[in-house]
Protein backbone atom coordinates (compact mmCIF):
# COMPACT_ATOMS: atom_id res chain seq x y z
CA MET A 1 84.98 78.78 117.32
CA ASN A 2 88.36 80.71 117.11
CA ALA A 3 90.72 78.75 114.96
CA HIS A 4 94.53 79.31 115.17
CA VAL A 5 95.77 81.23 112.07
CA THR A 6 99.12 80.08 111.07
CA MET A 7 101.97 82.33 109.91
CA GLN A 8 101.74 80.87 106.42
CA GLN A 9 98.05 81.91 106.45
CA LYS A 10 98.82 85.42 107.53
CA ALA A 11 101.36 85.71 104.72
CA GLU A 12 98.94 84.37 102.18
CA THR A 13 96.27 86.83 103.21
CA GLY A 14 98.63 89.78 103.54
CA TRP A 15 100.34 89.26 100.38
CA ASP A 16 97.14 88.30 98.46
CA GLY A 17 98.44 84.90 97.65
CA ALA A 18 101.56 86.14 95.96
CA VAL A 19 103.92 85.45 98.75
CA PRO A 20 107.61 86.14 97.99
CA ASP A 21 109.86 83.17 98.66
CA TRP A 22 111.73 84.89 101.40
CA VAL A 23 108.58 85.91 103.22
CA GLY A 24 107.32 82.34 102.97
CA GLU A 25 110.61 81.24 104.54
CA LEU A 26 110.25 83.83 107.24
CA ALA A 27 106.71 82.72 108.05
CA ALA A 28 107.79 79.03 108.20
CA MET A 29 110.59 79.80 110.49
CA ALA A 30 108.28 82.02 112.78
CA GLU A 31 105.76 79.17 112.89
CA ALA A 32 108.36 76.59 113.73
CA HIS A 33 110.54 78.43 116.21
CA GLY A 34 108.41 81.47 117.29
CA VAL A 35 108.48 85.13 116.11
CA ASN A 36 110.74 86.14 118.98
CA VAL A 37 113.53 83.65 118.22
CA VAL A 38 113.43 84.50 114.58
CA ALA A 39 113.46 88.22 115.36
CA THR A 40 116.48 87.85 117.63
CA ARG A 41 118.27 85.86 114.99
CA LEU A 42 117.73 88.63 112.35
CA GLY A 43 118.40 91.51 114.83
CA TYR A 44 115.00 92.93 114.36
CA SER A 45 112.00 93.28 116.62
CA SER A 46 109.21 90.76 116.61
CA ALA A 47 106.85 93.50 115.41
CA VAL A 48 108.99 93.86 112.25
CA VAL A 49 108.83 90.14 111.61
CA SER A 50 105.10 89.94 112.20
CA GLN A 51 104.33 93.06 110.12
CA THR A 52 106.51 91.75 107.20
CA ILE A 53 104.65 88.51 107.21
CA SER A 54 101.37 90.25 107.10
CA ASN A 55 102.70 92.73 104.41
CA LYS A 56 102.21 95.68 106.78
CA TYR A 57 105.88 96.68 107.41
CA SER A 58 106.57 100.25 106.25
CA GLY A 59 110.36 100.25 106.74
CA ASN A 60 113.21 99.23 104.45
CA LEU A 61 111.81 95.95 103.11
CA SER A 62 114.79 95.33 100.85
CA LYS A 63 117.42 95.42 103.71
CA PHE A 64 115.18 93.19 105.70
CA GLU A 65 114.92 90.77 102.78
CA GLU A 66 118.70 90.54 102.56
CA LYS A 67 118.83 89.73 106.29
CA VAL A 68 116.22 86.88 105.81
CA ARG A 69 118.03 85.55 102.76
CA GLY A 70 121.33 85.55 104.53
CA ALA A 71 120.33 84.43 108.02
CA LEU A 72 117.48 82.08 107.28
CA MET A 73 118.05 80.91 103.66
CA GLY A 74 121.82 80.73 103.61
CA GLU A 75 122.29 83.04 100.67
CA THR A 76 125.79 84.37 100.26
CA VAL A 77 127.71 87.09 98.49
CA VAL A 78 131.39 87.23 97.58
CA CYS A 79 133.08 90.07 99.65
CA PRO A 80 136.22 91.33 97.98
CA VAL A 81 138.03 91.11 101.39
CA LEU A 82 136.29 88.22 103.26
CA GLY A 83 135.18 85.92 100.49
CA ALA A 84 131.84 84.17 100.64
CA ILE A 85 129.91 85.52 103.54
CA GLY A 86 126.06 85.49 104.26
CA LYS A 87 124.02 88.41 102.97
CA ASP A 88 123.22 89.25 106.59
CA GLU A 89 126.76 89.18 107.64
CA CYS A 90 127.61 91.58 104.72
CA LEU A 91 125.16 94.09 106.14
CA VAL A 92 126.71 93.83 109.63
CA TRP A 93 130.15 94.50 108.17
CA GLN A 94 128.90 97.50 106.18
CA ALA A 95 127.59 99.00 109.43
CA LYS A 96 130.88 98.65 111.39
CA PRO A 97 133.02 101.73 111.83
CA ARG A 98 136.51 101.76 110.61
CA LYS A 99 139.11 100.59 113.14
CA VAL A 100 142.62 101.56 112.30
CA THR A 101 144.15 98.97 114.56
CA ASP A 102 142.21 96.16 112.67
CA SER A 103 143.62 95.72 109.20
CA ILE A 104 140.78 93.34 108.00
CA ARG A 105 138.21 95.76 109.33
CA SER A 106 139.82 98.69 107.77
CA ARG A 107 139.99 96.88 104.36
CA VAL A 108 136.33 95.89 104.59
CA TYR A 109 135.41 99.47 105.43
CA ARG A 110 137.22 100.76 102.38
CA ALA A 111 135.74 98.06 100.00
CA CYS A 112 132.20 98.67 101.18
CA ARG A 113 132.74 102.34 100.23
CA ASN A 114 134.59 101.75 97.02
CA ASN A 115 131.88 100.57 94.66
CA CYS A 116 131.33 97.05 96.04
CA PRO A 117 128.32 95.62 94.18
CA HIS A 118 126.77 94.35 97.57
CA SER A 119 127.21 97.66 99.50
CA ARG A 120 124.03 99.43 100.46
CA LEU A 121 125.89 102.50 101.51
CA LYS A 122 125.52 105.67 99.54
CA VAL A 123 128.46 106.45 97.37
CA ARG A 124 130.17 109.69 98.54
CA SER A 125 131.14 111.90 95.60
CA LEU A 126 134.81 112.83 95.41
């Protein structure tokens, strides 16, 4: 008999019973909506979602955690330019190139590179 293993069970096994809250939420959402739907919402592949649930992902886990916390758990940060935004949205803004014709984009670009506490960008030495 081949019983269906749930995403929560995969997480419990992979994380030896010490499943972080955000991985638990990721597993629950993947179980409810499907791995592909969750992966698309996060902007990652379904393999990354599955590997994270099973604690086998070797990539940047902290960045992925921020995506999950923002997109699936509704956690926010206070951007010095945009105000309260989702953690996932913050990461998207950090990755945008500077656009001289867009004043907000230009201000966010500078803020992300000027010691914003939420920035994951490496600070350039002057």
